[in-house]
Amino acid sequence: MSASLSVQSCSRCSHPAVIHQIYSGQHLCQSHLAKSIRKRVSKTLRAQLNLPSDARDENGNPSVILVCISGGKDSAVLLERIHENLGKRRDVTIVGGCVDEGIEGYRPPSLECARKLCEDLGVRFETVSYPELGFKEMDEVAGKIIATNDKKTPCSYCGVFRRQGINHLATRVGADVIALGHNLDDMAQTIMMNMQNGDLERTLRLAPHTNSPIEGMAPRIVPLRWVPEQEIHLYALHRNLP
């Protein structure tokens, strides 16, 4: 005889809850979770992105925000939220940018997801590959790491190459700001790794850079940094993002 399973109701309505927010103590349905995320991301975006009422430059050109997208859930939610908040402003141009690392079986389908999302939202899409930057594709790099018994992991090289790719795209589109899709889990993991390595300086350099820009580089913002990864995933499913 199977026991019946009861689903907890949302703390704000009678619909079934999809998550228990431990930090708030609330059970939330899809709709109220989405509302919670929209509110948090909008508040963080306003705090990190100091846009004047007219963000055009002295030549009348709109301010350009490069949203780094990969085809994954985090960057999809990031682009959807920034587009919802700023897409109607004529003094702001949003560009979706994707770095193609050259990983067979992973990058081609995810690149198409990123391209489709930009197309659905009416956002300009830009991409750059590692060979265009003068680097080897990651499949080839990984093969050489194995062949030479290199102690470094593929991620050690890919991280450097990817940052170069983002900077290249930012220069290409004339970006004033670069938006990254790091969620709360990402930020916490990075801080803990830096603590383990005793690297306080690297932690201090973490985005957002709105109030402490790095010379010669467009400032980074991280509007999702207060949203846990699980909530990002549920929001992406709720919004049916590619």
Protein backbone atom coordinates (compact mmCIF):
# COMPACT_ATOMS: atom_id res chain seq x y z
CA MET A 1 0.00 0.00 0.00
CA SER A 2 1.59 3.26 -1.13
CA ALA A 3 1.43 6.29 1.08
CA SER A 4 -0.04 9.42 -0.44
CA LEU A 5 2.37 12.30 -0.89
CA SER A 6 1.23 15.80 -0.04
CA VAL A 7 2.75 18.81 -1.79
CA GLN A 8 3.39 21.89 0.29
CA SER A 9 1.31 24.89 -0.76
CA CYS A 10 2.86 28.23 -1.66
CA SER A 11 3.20 30.58 1.31
CA ARG A 12 1.59 33.37 -0.73
CA CYS A 13 -1.21 31.50 -2.55
CA SER A 14 -2.88 28.10 -2.77
CA HIS A 15 -0.79 26.75 -5.67
CA PRO A 16 1.74 23.91 -5.14
CA ALA A 17 5.18 25.08 -4.08
CA VAL A 18 8.19 24.22 -6.26
CA ILE A 19 10.85 25.31 -3.78
CA HIS A 20 11.46 26.00 -0.12
CA GLN A 21 13.51 29.18 0.26
CA ILE A 22 15.41 28.28 3.40
CA TYR A 23 16.78 31.81 3.83
CA SER A 24 13.29 33.37 3.71
CA GLY A 25 11.42 30.48 5.32
CA GLN A 26 8.85 30.54 2.52
CA HIS A 27 7.53 27.87 0.17
CA LEU A 28 6.98 29.40 -3.27
CA CYS A 29 5.10 28.33 -6.38
CA GLN A 30 6.57 28.98 -9.84
CA SER A 31 4.80 32.32 -10.21
CA HIS A 32 5.83 33.73 -6.83
CA LEU A 33 9.39 32.40 -7.17
CA ALA A 34 9.65 34.18 -10.51
CA LYS A 35 8.30 37.38 -8.94
CA SER A 36 10.87 37.08 -6.13
CA ILE A 37 13.72 36.65 -8.62
CA ARG A 38 12.58 39.50 -10.85
CA LYS A 39 12.43 41.84 -7.84
CA ARG A 40 15.90 40.85 -6.58
CA VAL A 41 17.60 41.03 -9.97
CA SER A 42 16.01 44.39 -10.80
CA LYS A 43 17.16 45.82 -7.47
CA THR A 44 20.71 44.50 -7.95
CA LEU A 45 20.81 45.75 -11.54
CA ARG A 46 19.83 49.26 -10.45
CA ALA A 47 22.51 49.22 -7.75
CA GLN A 48 25.28 48.00 -10.06
CA LEU A 49 24.38 49.83 -13.26
CA ASN A 50 24.53 53.57 -12.70
CA LEU A 51 22.73 54.73 -15.81
CA PRO A 52 21.67 58.39 -16.08
CA SER A 53 18.24 59.28 -17.40
CA ASP A 54 19.89 59.67 -20.82
CA ALA A 55 22.78 57.22 -21.20
CA ARG A 56 23.86 58.41 -24.64
CA ASP A 57 27.42 59.68 -25.05
CA GLU A 58 28.39 63.13 -26.29
CA ASN A 59 27.92 61.96 -29.89
CA GLY A 60 24.42 60.69 -29.22
CA ASN A 61 25.38 57.01 -29.28
CA PRO A 62 23.52 54.69 -26.91
CA SER A 63 25.30 53.07 -23.98
CA VAL A 64 26.23 49.49 -24.92
CA ILE A 65 25.79 46.55 -22.51
CA LEU A 66 27.52 43.34 -23.56
CA VAL A 67 25.68 40.40 -21.97
CA CYS A 68 27.95 37.35 -21.93
CA ILE A 69 25.87 34.33 -22.89
CA SER A 70 26.81 30.67 -23.26
CA GLY A 71 23.56 28.87 -24.01
CA GLY A 72 23.30 27.85 -20.33
CA LYS A 73 20.56 28.66 -17.83
CA ASP A 74 22.41 31.41 -15.93
CA SER A 75 23.28 33.59 -18.89
CA ALA A 76 19.86 32.95 -20.45
CA VAL A 77 18.15 34.30 -17.33
CA LEU A 78 20.65 37.17 -17.22
CA LEU A 79 19.87 38.26 -20.79
CA GLU A 80 16.11 37.85 -20.32
CA ARG A 81 16.16 39.99 -17.16
CA ILE A 82 18.36 42.74 -18.61
CA HIS A 83 16.24 42.84 -21.74
CA GLU A 84 13.06 43.07 -19.65
CA ASN A 85 14.50 45.91 -17.55
CA LEU A 86 16.31 47.90 -20.23
CA GLY A 87 15.20 46.64 -23.64
CA LYS A 88 12.76 49.48 -24.27
CA ARG A 89 15.26 52.26 -23.58
CA ARG A 90 16.44 53.99 -26.75
CA ASP A 91 19.57 55.22 -25.01
CA VAL A 92 20.74 51.66 -24.28
CA THR A 93 21.83 48.93 -26.69
CA ILE A 94 21.98 45.32 -25.49
CA VAL A 95 24.30 42.88 -27.25
CA GLY A 96 24.53 39.15 -26.54
CA GLY A 97 28.10 37.86 -26.85
CA CYS A 98 29.24 34.23 -26.91
CA VAL A 99 32.79 32.84 -26.90
CA ASP A 100 33.19 29.64 -28.94
CA GLU A 101 35.84 27.53 -27.18
CA GLY A 102 35.83 24.76 -29.76
CA ILE A 103 34.44 21.89 -27.65
CA GLU A 104 32.75 19.36 -29.91
CA GLY A 105 29.39 18.11 -28.70
CA TYR A 106 29.01 20.97 -26.24
CA ARG A 107 29.57 24.34 -27.86
CA PRO A 108 27.72 23.91 -31.21
CA PRO A 109 24.30 23.11 -29.65
CA SER A 110 24.72 25.63 -26.81
CA LEU A 111 25.78 28.27 -29.32
CA GLU A 112 22.51 27.73 -31.14
CA CYS A 113 20.59 28.10 -27.85
CA ALA A 114 22.32 31.43 -27.27
CA ARG A 115 21.64 32.54 -30.83
CA LYS A 116 17.97 31.54 -30.60
CA LEU A 117 17.45 33.44 -27.34
CA CYS A 118 18.90 36.60 -28.88
CA GLU A 119 16.68 36.11 -31.92
CA ASP A 120 13.58 35.61 -29.74
CA LEU A 121 14.33 38.79 -27.78
CA GLY A 122 15.40 40.83 -30.81
CA VAL A 123 18.91 41.30 -29.43
CA ARG A 124 22.04 41.60 -31.56
CA PHE A 125 24.20 38.47 -31.34
CA GLU A 126 28.00 38.37 -31.61
CA THR A 127 30.41 35.46 -31.29
CA VAL A 128 34.16 34.93 -31.45
CA SER A 129 36.13 31.68 -31.66
CA TYR A 130 39.48 30.83 -30.08
CA PRO A 131 41.23 30.56 -33.49
CA GLU A 132 40.03 34.10 -34.28
CA LEU A 133 41.89 35.19 -31.13
CA GLY A 134 45.02 33.28 -32.10
CA PHE A 135 44.40 30.39 -29.68
CA LYS A 136 43.95 26.67 -30.32
CA GLU A 137 40.49 25.17 -29.88
CA MET A 138 39.99 23.56 -26.48
CA ASP A 139 39.64 20.03 -27.90
CA GLU A 140 43.16 20.37 -29.31
CA VAL A 141 44.47 21.95 -26.09
CA ALA A 142 43.01 19.11 -24.01
CA GLY A 143 44.63 16.55 -26.31
CA LYS A 144 48.04 18.18 -25.89
CA ILE A 145 47.60 18.34 -22.09
CA ILE A 146 47.04 14.58 -22.05
CA ALA A 147 49.88 13.88 -24.51
CA THR A 148 52.42 15.94 -22.54
CA ASN A 149 51.22 15.01 -19.02
CA ASP A 150 50.71 18.69 -18.27
CA LYS A 151 49.84 19.26 -14.60
CA LYS A 152 47.40 22.02 -15.46
CA THR A 153 43.75 21.30 -16.22
CA PRO A 154 42.01 22.38 -19.46
CA CYS A 155 40.07 24.94 -17.37
CA SER A 156 43.35 26.71 -16.49
CA TYR A 157 43.87 27.54 -20.16
CA CYS A 158 40.22 27.97 -21.09
CA GLY A 159 39.63 30.56 -18.36
CA VAL A 160 42.41 32.77 -19.72
CA PHE A 161 41.29 32.31 -23.33
CA ARG A 162 37.66 33.01 -22.48
CA ARG A 163 38.50 36.27 -20.68
CA GLN A 164 40.44 37.36 -23.76
CA GLY A 165 37.40 36.48 -25.86
CA ILE A 166 35.07 38.55 -23.69
CA ASN A 167 37.44 41.51 -23.83
CA HIS A 168 37.66 41.13 -27.62
CA LEU A 169 33.87 41.15 -27.97
CA ALA A 170 33.61 44.15 -25.65
CA THR A 171 36.05 46.08 -27.85
CA ARG A 172 34.31 44.96 -31.04
CA VAL A 173 30.87 46.20 -29.95
CA GLY A 174 32.16 49.23 -28.01
CA ALA A 175 30.74 47.95 -24.72
CA ASP A 176 30.46 50.38 -21.81
CA VAL A 177 29.50 47.57 -19.43
CA ILE A 178 29.92 43.78 -19.43
CA ALA A 179 27.24 41.70 -17.69
CA LEU A 180 28.20 38.24 -16.36
CA GLY A 181 25.81 35.47 -15.30
CA HIS A 182 27.47 34.44 -12.02
CA ASN A 183 24.88 33.27 -9.49
CA LEU A 184 25.12 33.11 -5.70
CA ASP A 185 26.67 29.61 -5.75
CA ASP A 186 29.35 30.77 -8.22
CA MET A 187 30.25 33.79 -6.10
CA ALA A 188 30.42 31.75 -2.87
CA GLN A 189 32.57 29.05 -4.48
CA THR A 190 34.98 31.63 -5.90
CA ILE A 191 35.36 33.39 -2.55
CA MET A 192 35.94 30.09 -0.73
CA MET A 193 38.58 28.98 -3.26
CA ASN A 194 40.34 32.33 -2.92
CA MET A 195 40.27 31.96 0.87
CA GLN A 196 41.74 28.47 0.59
CA ASN A 197 44.55 29.87 -1.56
CA GLY A 198 45.03 32.89 0.72
CA ASP A 199 44.29 35.17 -2.24
CA LEU A 200 42.54 38.18 -0.73
CA GLU A 201 43.49 40.44 -3.64
CA ARG A 202 41.64 38.25 -6.16
CA THR A 203 38.53 38.36 -3.97
CA LEU A 204 38.71 42.16 -3.80
CA ARG A 205 38.83 42.27 -7.62
CA LEU A 206 35.57 40.35 -8.00
CA ALA A 207 32.76 42.01 -9.93
CA PRO A 208 30.80 44.23 -9.74
CA HIS A 209 33.25 46.93 -10.76
CA THR A 210 30.72 49.75 -11.05
CA ASN A 211 32.33 51.81 -8.29
CA SER A 212 35.87 50.51 -8.79
CA PRO A 213 36.47 50.14 -12.53
CA ILE A 214 39.70 48.57 -13.78
CA GLU A 215 41.57 50.95 -16.09
CA GLY A 216 41.32 50.03 -19.74
CA MET A 217 38.47 47.56 -19.22
CA ALA A 218 34.70 47.89 -19.35
CA PRO A 219 33.32 47.40 -15.81
CA ARG A 220 31.71 44.04 -15.04
CA ILE A 221 28.34 43.68 -13.36
CA VAL A 222 26.80 40.50 -11.88
CA PRO A 223 23.03 41.05 -11.48
CA LEU A 224 22.35 37.40 -10.49
CA ARG A 225 24.85 37.25 -7.65
CA TRP A 226 22.21 37.09 -4.89
CA VAL A 227 20.14 34.33 -6.56
CA PRO A 228 20.96 30.65 -5.80
CA GLU A 229 21.63 28.35 -8.76
CA GLN A 230 18.59 26.17 -8.06
CA GLU A 231 16.29 29.18 -8.29
CA ILE A 232 17.91 30.27 -11.56
CA HIS A 233 17.25 26.80 -12.96
CA LEU A 234 13.59 26.82 -11.90
CA TYR A 235 13.11 30.33 -13.30
CA ALA A 236 14.61 29.30 -16.66
CA LEU A 237 12.21 26.36 -16.82
CA HIS A 238 9.27 28.57 -15.79
CA ARG A 239 10.11 31.05 -18.57
CA ASN A 240 10.83 28.24 -21.08
CA LEU A 241 14.16 29.80 -22.03
CA PRO A 242 16.24 27.97 -24.66
